[in-house]
Amino acid sequence: TITANSIGVFNNQNTIAEVLHTLPNVQIEKKAGKGEFAEDVYDDYEILNHNSKSLFTVTPKKTGDVHQKINRVLINSPFIKTEKGINTNSTYGAIKKAYTINKIEPTREHIVLIVDEINASFSISKSQLKNGWWNEKTKKIDESKIPLDAKVDGFILWWNEKSK
């Protein structure tokens, strides 16, 4: 289960090292993650189930230091859900019904729904939006142009974004 500060047995106070020591090595794959810009490279630790299927990926803020707390959790499996049943197969309508969407921001290829209650962001491809989704006057996304059945294609928890 996902909450604002936890996923299963792990929480926002855990370090990457603690995750690595908790799970068998065969259930962890270290990968180089890429960000929006070419110079954005991250240490992604993909967590697999006993059948080698991806469950989620944890990432620290800086590369090369496993003693940092988890910064980002990328949800990869529909079997991992929030307490309100939201997962990687959810739709805009389901998220809107379950949570307050605090902000909707455009990126190059997606719109991103920000849900502060669970420290999460959900991405939806712009190809699923109706024409006129961007309101040039208000410089905002017109929510009426997001179909309720638009599927999420990314689900991320942000835990330690703010520098303390």
N, C-alpha and C. Protein backbone atom coordinates (compact mmCIF):
# COMPACT_ATOMS: atom_id res chain seq x y z
N THR A 1 0.84 -1.19 0.00
CA THR A 1 0.00 0.00 0.00
C THR A 1 0.88 1.25 0.00
N ILE A 2 0.42 2.25 -0.71
CA ILE A 2 1.11 3.53 -0.80
C ILE A 2 0.40 4.55 0.09
N THR A 3 1.18 5.26 0.91
CA THR A 3 0.66 6.42 1.64
C THR A 3 1.52 7.62 1.24
N ALA A 4 1.26 8.76 1.85
CA ALA A 4 2.04 9.96 1.52
C ALA A 4 3.52 9.78 1.83
N ASN A 5 3.83 8.94 2.82
CA ASN A 5 5.22 8.80 3.25
C ASN A 5 5.75 7.38 3.22
N SER A 6 5.01 6.45 2.61
CA SER A 6 5.50 5.06 2.61
C SER A 6 5.00 4.27 1.41
N ILE A 7 5.75 3.21 1.14
CA ILE A 7 5.35 2.21 0.16
C ILE A 7 5.74 0.87 0.77
N GLY A 8 4.75 0.06 1.11
CA GLY A 8 5.04 -1.20 1.78
C GLY A 8 5.79 -0.94 3.08
N VAL A 9 6.92 -1.63 3.28
CA VAL A 9 7.69 -1.49 4.52
C VAL A 9 8.64 -0.29 4.50
N PHE A 10 8.79 0.36 3.36
CA PHE A 10 9.73 1.48 3.25
C PHE A 10 9.01 2.82 3.42
N ASN A 11 9.74 3.79 4.02
CA ASN A 11 9.14 5.11 4.18
C ASN A 11 10.13 6.21 3.81
N ASN A 12 9.68 7.44 3.93
CA ASN A 12 10.47 8.59 3.47
C ASN A 12 11.69 8.86 4.33
N GLN A 13 11.86 8.14 5.42
CA GLN A 13 13.06 8.30 6.25
C GLN A 13 14.13 7.27 5.91
N ASN A 14 13.78 6.26 5.12
CA ASN A 14 14.74 5.22 4.75
C ASN A 14 15.77 5.75 3.76
N THR A 15 16.99 5.24 3.90
CA THR A 15 18.04 5.55 2.93
C THR A 15 18.03 4.46 1.85
N ILE A 16 18.70 4.75 0.76
CA ILE A 16 18.84 3.74 -0.30
C ILE A 16 19.56 2.52 0.27
N ALA A 17 20.58 2.73 1.11
CA ALA A 17 21.33 1.62 1.72
C ALA A 17 20.40 0.71 2.53
N GLU A 18 19.45 1.29 3.26
CA GLU A 18 18.52 0.48 4.05
C GLU A 18 17.64 -0.38 3.15
N VAL A 19 17.22 0.17 2.02
CA VAL A 19 16.44 -0.61 1.05
C VAL A 19 17.29 -1.76 0.53
N LEU A 20 18.54 -1.46 0.17
CA LEU A 20 19.44 -2.47 -0.38
C LEU A 20 19.72 -3.59 0.63
N HIS A 21 19.79 -3.25 1.92
CA HIS A 21 20.07 -4.26 2.95
C HIS A 21 18.83 -5.06 3.33
N THR A 22 17.65 -4.54 3.04
CA THR A 22 16.40 -5.21 3.41
C THR A 22 16.02 -6.30 2.41
N LEU A 23 16.33 -6.08 1.16
CA LEU A 23 15.89 -6.99 0.09
C LEU A 23 17.04 -7.87 -0.41
N PRO A 24 16.71 -9.07 -0.90
CA PRO A 24 17.75 -9.91 -1.52
C PRO A 24 18.30 -9.23 -2.77
N ASN A 25 19.59 -9.41 -3.03
CA ASN A 25 20.24 -8.78 -4.19
C ASN A 25 19.54 -9.09 -5.50
N VAL A 26 18.97 -10.30 -5.63
CA VAL A 26 18.31 -10.67 -6.89
C VAL A 26 17.06 -9.85 -7.15
N GLN A 27 16.57 -9.14 -6.14
CA GLN A 27 15.37 -8.33 -6.30
C GLN A 27 15.68 -6.85 -6.54
N ILE A 28 16.97 -6.53 -6.76
CA ILE A 28 17.38 -5.14 -6.96
C ILE A 28 18.23 -5.03 -8.21
N GLU A 29 17.88 -4.09 -9.08
CA GLU A 29 18.68 -3.82 -10.27
C GLU A 29 19.03 -2.34 -10.28
N LYS A 30 20.33 -2.05 -10.28
CA LYS A 30 20.75 -0.64 -10.36
C LYS A 30 20.84 -0.24 -11.82
N LYS A 31 20.23 0.89 -12.14
CA LYS A 31 20.23 1.39 -13.51
C LYS A 31 20.57 2.88 -13.50
N ALA A 32 21.00 3.38 -14.63
CA ALA A 32 21.21 4.82 -14.77
C ALA A 32 19.91 5.42 -15.29
N GLY A 33 19.27 6.22 -14.46
CA GLY A 33 18.03 6.88 -14.88
C GLY A 33 18.35 8.19 -15.58
N LYS A 34 17.47 8.59 -16.46
CA LYS A 34 17.67 9.84 -17.20
C LYS A 34 16.53 10.80 -16.88
N GLY A 35 16.87 12.08 -16.82
CA GLY A 35 15.87 13.12 -16.58
C GLY A 35 15.44 13.77 -17.87
N GLU A 36 14.82 14.91 -17.73
CA GLU A 36 14.31 15.64 -18.89
C GLU A 36 15.44 16.20 -19.75
N PHE A 37 16.56 16.51 -19.13
CA PHE A 37 17.70 17.07 -19.85
C PHE A 37 18.82 16.04 -19.93
N ALA A 38 19.65 16.13 -20.96
CA ALA A 38 20.72 15.16 -21.21
C ALA A 38 21.65 15.01 -20.01
N GLU A 39 21.90 16.11 -19.30
CA GLU A 39 22.84 16.03 -18.17
C GLU A 39 22.21 15.46 -16.90
N ASP A 40 20.90 15.25 -16.90
CA ASP A 40 20.21 14.68 -15.74
C ASP A 40 20.35 13.17 -15.74
N VAL A 41 21.25 12.65 -14.89
CA VAL A 41 21.43 11.21 -14.76
C VAL A 41 21.29 10.87 -13.29
N TYR A 42 20.58 9.78 -13.00
CA TYR A 42 20.30 9.40 -11.62
C TYR A 42 20.66 7.94 -11.39
N ASP A 43 20.87 7.59 -10.12
CA ASP A 43 21.01 6.19 -9.73
C ASP A 43 19.61 5.68 -9.43
N ASP A 44 19.09 4.86 -10.31
CA ASP A 44 17.78 4.24 -10.10
C ASP A 44 17.99 2.82 -9.59
N TYR A 45 17.29 2.48 -8.52
CA TYR A 45 17.34 1.12 -7.98
C TYR A 45 15.97 0.51 -8.18
N GLU A 46 15.87 -0.37 -9.17
CA GLU A 46 14.60 -0.99 -9.50
C GLU A 46 14.37 -2.18 -8.59
N ILE A 47 13.22 -2.22 -7.94
CA ILE A 47 12.87 -3.28 -7.01
C ILE A 47 11.95 -4.26 -7.74
N LEU A 48 12.36 -5.53 -7.74
CA LEU A 48 11.63 -6.57 -8.47
C LEU A 48 10.96 -7.51 -7.48
N ASN A 49 9.89 -8.18 -7.93
CA ASN A 49 9.28 -9.20 -7.09
C ASN A 49 10.03 -10.52 -7.31
N HIS A 50 9.58 -11.59 -6.67
CA HIS A 50 10.29 -12.87 -6.78
C HIS A 50 10.22 -13.47 -8.18
N ASN A 51 9.36 -12.95 -9.05
CA ASN A 51 9.29 -13.40 -10.45
C ASN A 51 10.02 -12.45 -11.39
N SER A 52 10.85 -11.58 -10.84
CA SER A 52 11.63 -10.60 -11.60
C SER A 52 10.79 -9.57 -12.33
N LYS A 53 9.57 -9.33 -11.87
CA LYS A 53 8.71 -8.28 -12.43
C LYS A 53 8.94 -7.00 -11.62
N SER A 54 9.03 -5.88 -12.31
CA SER A 54 9.31 -4.61 -11.66
C SER A 54 8.13 -4.15 -10.80
N LEU A 55 8.42 -3.78 -9.55
CA LEU A 55 7.40 -3.26 -8.65
C LEU A 55 7.49 -1.73 -8.57
N PHE A 56 8.68 -1.24 -8.21
CA PHE A 56 8.90 0.19 -8.12
C PHE A 56 10.39 0.47 -8.20
N THR A 57 10.73 1.75 -8.40
CA THR A 57 12.12 2.17 -8.51
C THR A 57 12.35 3.30 -7.52
N VAL A 58 13.40 3.17 -6.70
CA VAL A 58 13.74 4.24 -5.75
C VAL A 58 14.99 4.96 -6.25
N THR A 59 15.02 6.27 -6.01
CA THR A 59 16.11 7.10 -6.51
C THR A 59 16.51 8.12 -5.44
N PRO A 60 17.82 8.25 -5.15
CA PRO A 60 18.25 9.32 -4.26
C PRO A 60 18.38 10.62 -5.05
N LYS A 61 18.57 11.72 -4.35
CA LYS A 61 18.70 13.01 -5.03
C LYS A 61 20.01 13.10 -5.81
N LYS A 62 21.11 12.63 -5.21
CA LYS A 62 22.43 12.70 -5.85
C LYS A 62 22.91 11.30 -6.21
N THR A 63 23.66 11.20 -7.28
CA THR A 63 24.21 9.91 -7.67
C THR A 63 25.41 9.56 -6.79
N GLY A 64 25.66 8.25 -6.68
CA GLY A 64 26.86 7.77 -6.00
C GLY A 64 26.84 7.80 -4.49
N ASP A 65 25.68 8.00 -3.86
CA ASP A 65 25.62 8.04 -2.39
C ASP A 65 24.38 7.30 -1.91
N VAL A 66 24.58 6.04 -1.48
CA VAL A 66 23.44 5.21 -1.04
C VAL A 66 22.98 5.58 0.37
N HIS A 67 23.71 6.49 1.04
CA HIS A 67 23.33 6.87 2.40
C HIS A 67 22.35 8.05 2.43
N GLN A 68 21.88 8.45 1.27
CA GLN A 68 20.85 9.49 1.19
C GLN A 68 19.48 8.84 1.36
N LYS A 69 18.54 9.66 1.81
CA LYS A 69 17.16 9.19 1.89
C LYS A 69 16.59 9.06 0.48
N ILE A 70 15.56 8.24 0.38
CA ILE A 70 14.87 8.08 -0.90
C ILE A 70 14.24 9.42 -1.27
N ASN A 71 14.48 9.88 -2.48
CA ASN A 71 13.91 11.14 -2.95
C ASN A 71 12.67 10.90 -3.80
N ARG A 72 12.76 9.89 -4.68
CA ARG A 72 11.69 9.65 -5.65
C ARG A 72 11.39 8.15 -5.68
N VAL A 73 10.10 7.83 -5.77
CA VAL A 73 9.67 6.44 -5.94
C VAL A 73 8.80 6.38 -7.19
N LEU A 74 9.29 5.68 -8.20
CA LEU A 74 8.54 5.50 -9.44
C LEU A 74 7.77 4.19 -9.32
N ILE A 75 6.45 4.26 -9.39
CA ILE A 75 5.61 3.07 -9.27
C ILE A 75 5.53 2.40 -10.64
N ASN A 76 5.93 1.13 -10.70
CA ASN A 76 5.99 0.40 -11.97
C ASN A 76 4.92 -0.68 -12.10
N SER A 77 4.29 -1.05 -11.00
CA SER A 77 3.35 -2.18 -11.02
C SER A 77 1.94 -1.76 -10.61
N PRO A 78 0.93 -2.26 -11.34
CA PRO A 78 -0.46 -1.95 -10.95
C PRO A 78 -0.87 -2.64 -9.65
N PHE A 79 -0.05 -3.58 -9.17
CA PHE A 79 -0.38 -4.28 -7.93
C PHE A 79 -0.12 -3.41 -6.70
N ILE A 80 0.63 -2.33 -6.88
CA ILE A 80 0.89 -1.42 -5.78
C ILE A 80 -0.09 -0.26 -5.90
N LYS A 81 -0.91 -0.10 -4.85
CA LYS A 81 -2.00 0.89 -4.90
C LYS A 81 -1.96 1.81 -3.69
N THR A 82 -2.61 2.94 -3.83
CA THR A 82 -2.80 3.83 -2.68
C THR A 82 -3.93 3.25 -1.84
N GLU A 83 -4.12 3.82 -0.66
CA GLU A 83 -5.20 3.37 0.22
C GLU A 83 -6.57 3.55 -0.44
N LYS A 84 -6.65 4.45 -1.42
CA LYS A 84 -7.92 4.69 -2.13
C LYS A 84 -7.98 3.95 -3.46
N GLY A 85 -7.06 3.00 -3.68
CA GLY A 85 -7.13 2.14 -4.85
C GLY A 85 -6.53 2.68 -6.13
N ILE A 86 -5.82 3.80 -6.06
CA ILE A 86 -5.21 4.38 -7.26
C ILE A 86 -3.89 3.66 -7.57
N ASN A 87 -3.69 3.32 -8.85
CA ASN A 87 -2.47 2.63 -9.26
C ASN A 87 -2.05 3.09 -10.65
N THR A 88 -1.10 2.36 -11.25
CA THR A 88 -0.58 2.75 -12.57
C THR A 88 -1.59 2.57 -13.69
N ASN A 89 -2.69 1.88 -13.44
CA ASN A 89 -3.73 1.70 -14.46
C ASN A 89 -4.90 2.66 -14.28
N SER A 90 -4.79 3.58 -13.33
CA SER A 90 -5.90 4.48 -13.03
C SER A 90 -6.11 5.53 -14.11
N THR A 91 -7.29 6.12 -14.09
CA THR A 91 -7.65 7.16 -15.04
C THR A 91 -7.72 8.52 -14.34
N TYR A 92 -7.75 9.57 -15.14
CA TYR A 92 -7.91 10.92 -14.62
C TYR A 92 -9.16 11.00 -13.73
N GLY A 93 -10.26 10.42 -14.21
CA GLY A 93 -11.51 10.46 -13.45
C GLY A 93 -11.40 9.79 -12.09
N ALA A 94 -10.71 8.65 -12.02
CA ALA A 94 -10.54 7.93 -10.75
C ALA A 94 -9.68 8.75 -9.78
N ILE A 95 -8.63 9.36 -10.28
CA ILE A 95 -7.76 10.17 -9.43
C ILE A 95 -8.52 11.39 -8.92
N LYS A 96 -9.26 12.03 -9.82
CA LYS A 96 -10.05 13.23 -9.47
C LYS A 96 -11.09 12.90 -8.40
N LYS A 97 -11.67 11.71 -8.48
CA LYS A 97 -12.69 11.29 -7.51
C LYS A 97 -12.06 10.95 -6.15
N ALA A 98 -10.85 10.37 -6.18
CA ALA A 98 -10.20 9.91 -4.95
C ALA A 98 -9.45 11.02 -4.21
N TYR A 99 -8.87 11.95 -4.94
CA TYR A 99 -8.00 12.96 -4.34
C TYR A 99 -8.26 14.35 -4.90
N THR A 100 -7.82 15.35 -4.14
CA THR A 100 -7.80 16.72 -4.65
C THR A 100 -6.56 16.85 -5.53
N ILE A 101 -6.75 17.28 -6.76
CA ILE A 101 -5.62 17.54 -7.65
C ILE A 101 -5.22 19.00 -7.42
N ASN A 102 -4.05 19.20 -6.81
CA ASN A 102 -3.63 20.55 -6.41
C ASN A 102 -3.15 21.40 -7.57
N LYS A 103 -2.57 20.75 -8.58
CA LYS A 103 -2.01 21.50 -9.70
C LYS A 103 -1.94 20.58 -10.91
N ILE A 104 -2.06 21.17 -12.09
CA ILE A 104 -1.86 20.42 -13.34
C ILE A 104 -0.88 21.23 -14.17
N GLU A 105 0.26 20.61 -14.50
CA GLU A 105 1.31 21.31 -15.24
C GLU A 105 1.61 20.60 -16.54
N PRO A 106 1.91 21.35 -17.60
CA PRO A 106 2.31 20.71 -18.85
C PRO A 106 3.82 20.46 -18.88
N THR A 107 4.22 19.36 -19.51
CA THR A 107 5.62 19.14 -19.86
C THR A 107 5.63 19.02 -21.38
N ARG A 108 6.73 18.61 -21.96
CA ARG A 108 6.79 18.54 -23.41
C ARG A 108 5.74 17.57 -23.98
N GLU A 109 5.62 16.39 -23.41
CA GLU A 109 4.73 15.37 -23.98
C GLU A 109 3.56 14.98 -23.09
N HIS A 110 3.52 15.50 -21.86
CA HIS A 110 2.51 15.09 -20.90
C HIS A 110 1.89 16.28 -20.18
N ILE A 111 0.81 15.99 -19.47
CA ILE A 111 0.37 16.88 -18.41
C ILE A 111 0.64 16.11 -17.12
N VAL A 112 0.96 16.83 -16.06
CA VAL A 112 1.29 16.20 -14.80
C VAL A 112 0.30 16.68 -13.74
N LEU A 113 -0.37 15.71 -13.11
CA LEU A 113 -1.31 15.99 -12.03
C LEU A 113 -0.55 15.91 -10.72
N ILE A 114 -0.60 16.96 -9.91
CA ILE A 114 0.08 17.00 -8.62
C ILE A 114 -0.96 16.77 -7.53
N VAL A 115 -0.72 15.74 -6.69
CA VAL A 115 -1.62 15.43 -5.58
C VAL A 115 -0.82 15.52 -4.28
N ASP A 116 -0.94 16.66 -3.60
CA ASP A 116 -0.16 16.90 -2.39
C ASP A 116 -0.47 15.91 -1.27
N GLU A 117 -1.72 15.48 -1.16
CA GLU A 117 -2.15 14.59 -0.08
C GLU A 117 -1.29 13.34 0.02
N ILE A 118 -0.82 12.83 -1.11
CA ILE A 118 0.02 11.63 -1.10
C ILE A 118 1.41 11.91 -1.69
N ASN A 119 1.78 13.19 -1.79
CA ASN A 119 3.10 13.57 -2.35
C ASN A 119 3.36 12.90 -3.68
N ALA A 120 2.37 12.90 -4.55
CA ALA A 120 2.48 12.17 -5.81
C ALA A 120 2.26 13.05 -7.03
N SER A 121 2.81 12.57 -8.14
CA SER A 121 2.50 13.16 -9.43
C SER A 121 2.12 12.04 -10.39
N PHE A 122 1.16 12.32 -11.24
CA PHE A 122 0.68 11.36 -12.24
C PHE A 122 0.81 12.03 -13.59
N SER A 123 1.36 11.32 -14.58
CA SER A 123 1.45 11.92 -15.91
C SER A 123 0.45 11.27 -16.86
N ILE A 124 -0.08 12.09 -17.75
CA ILE A 124 -1.01 11.65 -18.79
C ILE A 124 -0.50 12.22 -20.10
N SER A 125 -0.42 11.38 -21.11
CA SER A 125 0.07 11.81 -22.42
C SER A 125 -0.86 12.87 -23.01
N LYS A 126 -0.27 13.90 -23.60
CA LYS A 126 -1.07 14.96 -24.24
C LYS A 126 -1.90 14.40 -25.39
N SER A 127 -1.48 13.27 -25.96
CA SER A 127 -2.24 12.68 -27.07
C SER A 127 -3.63 12.22 -26.64
N GLN A 128 -3.86 12.08 -25.32
CA GLN A 128 -5.17 11.67 -24.82
C GLN A 128 -6.11 12.86 -24.57
N LEU A 129 -5.58 14.07 -24.67
CA LEU A 129 -6.38 15.26 -24.37
C LEU A 129 -7.20 15.69 -25.58
N LYS A 130 -8.31 16.37 -25.29
CA LYS A 130 -9.15 16.91 -26.36
C LYS A 130 -8.52 18.19 -26.90
N ASN A 131 -8.84 18.53 -28.14
CA ASN A 131 -8.35 19.78 -28.73
C ASN A 131 -8.72 20.96 -27.85
N GLY A 132 -7.83 21.94 -27.80
CA GLY A 132 -8.09 23.13 -27.00
C GLY A 132 -7.78 22.96 -25.53
N TRP A 133 -6.98 21.95 -25.17
CA TRP A 133 -6.68 21.68 -23.76
C TRP A 133 -5.87 22.81 -23.12
N TRP A 134 -5.14 23.59 -23.92
CA TRP A 134 -4.36 24.71 -23.37
C TRP A 134 -5.13 26.00 -23.58
N ASN A 135 -5.40 26.72 -22.49
CA ASN A 135 -6.09 28.00 -22.57
C ASN A 135 -5.03 29.10 -22.66
N GLU A 136 -4.90 29.67 -23.84
CA GLU A 136 -3.87 30.68 -24.11
C GLU A 136 -4.09 31.94 -23.26
N LYS A 137 -5.35 32.26 -22.95
CA LYS A 137 -5.66 33.46 -22.18
C LYS A 137 -5.20 33.33 -20.73
N THR A 138 -5.54 32.21 -20.11
CA THR A 138 -5.20 32.02 -18.69
C THR A 138 -3.83 31.36 -18.51
N LYS A 139 -3.26 30.84 -19.61
CA LYS A 139 -1.99 30.10 -19.58
C LYS A 139 -2.10 28.89 -18.65
N LYS A 140 -3.27 28.24 -18.72
CA LYS A 140 -3.52 27.07 -17.89
C LYS A 140 -4.15 25.97 -18.72
N ILE A 141 -4.11 24.77 -18.17
CA ILE A 141 -4.75 23.63 -18.80
C ILE A 141 -6.25 23.70 -18.51
N ASP A 142 -7.05 23.53 -19.54
CA ASP A 142 -8.51 23.50 -19.39
C ASP A 142 -8.89 22.08 -18.97
N GLU A 143 -9.24 21.92 -17.69
CA GLU A 143 -9.53 20.59 -17.15
C GLU A 143 -10.70 19.90 -17.85
N SER A 144 -11.60 20.68 -18.44
CA SER A 144 -12.74 20.06 -19.14
C SER A 144 -12.28 19.33 -20.41
N LYS A 145 -11.04 19.58 -20.83
CA LYS A 145 -10.50 18.94 -22.04
C LYS A 145 -9.69 17.68 -21.71
N ILE A 146 -9.68 17.31 -20.42
CA ILE A 146 -9.02 16.06 -20.02
C ILE A 146 -10.12 15.01 -19.89
N PRO A 147 -10.16 14.02 -20.78
CA PRO A 147 -11.20 12.99 -20.68
C PRO A 147 -11.09 12.24 -19.35
N LEU A 148 -12.23 11.95 -18.73
CA LEU A 148 -12.22 11.22 -17.47
C LEU A 148 -11.57 9.85 -17.61
N ASP A 149 -11.62 9.28 -18.83
CA ASP A 149 -11.04 7.95 -19.05
C ASP A 149 -9.58 8.01 -19.53
N ALA A 150 -8.97 9.20 -19.50
CA ALA A 150 -7.55 9.33 -19.89
C ALA A 150 -6.70 8.53 -18.90
N LYS A 151 -5.88 7.61 -19.44
CA LYS A 151 -5.07 6.73 -18.60
C LYS A 151 -3.76 7.38 -18.18
N VAL A 152 -3.39 7.09 -16.95
CA VAL A 152 -2.12 7.53 -16.39
C VAL A 152 -1.01 6.70 -17.03
N ASP A 153 0.13 7.33 -17.37
CA ASP A 153 1.26 6.54 -17.85
C ASP A 153 2.50 6.74 -16.99
N GLY A 154 2.34 7.45 -15.88
CA GLY A 154 3.44 7.60 -14.93
C GLY A 154 2.89 7.95 -13.56
N PHE A 155 3.47 7.35 -12.51
CA PHE A 155 3.02 7.55 -11.13
C PHE A 155 4.28 7.63 -10.27
N ILE A 156 4.53 8.80 -9.70
CA ILE A 156 5.75 9.02 -8.92
C ILE A 156 5.41 9.61 -7.56
N LEU A 157 6.08 9.11 -6.51
CA LEU A 157 6.01 9.69 -5.18
C LEU A 157 7.27 10.54 -4.99
N TRP A 158 7.08 11.74 -4.47
CA TRP A 158 8.21 12.64 -4.20
C TRP A 158 8.30 12.81 -2.70
N TRP A 159 9.39 12.32 -2.10
CA TRP A 159 9.48 12.29 -0.64
C TRP A 159 10.38 13.34 -0.01
N ASN A 160 11.54 13.53 -0.53
CA ASN A 160 12.49 14.42 0.14
C ASN A 160 12.98 15.50 -0.81
N GLU A 161 12.04 16.10 -1.52
CA GLU A 161 12.35 17.13 -2.51
C GLU A 161 12.93 18.38 -1.87
N LYS A 162 12.35 18.79 -0.76
CA LYS A 162 12.77 20.04 -0.13
C LYS A 162 14.06 19.80 0.64
N SER A 163 15.04 20.63 0.42
CA SER A 163 16.31 20.52 1.15
C SER A 163 16.07 20.97 2.58
N LYS A 164 16.58 20.17 3.50
CA LYS A 164 16.37 20.50 4.91
C LYS A 164 17.63 21.05 5.52
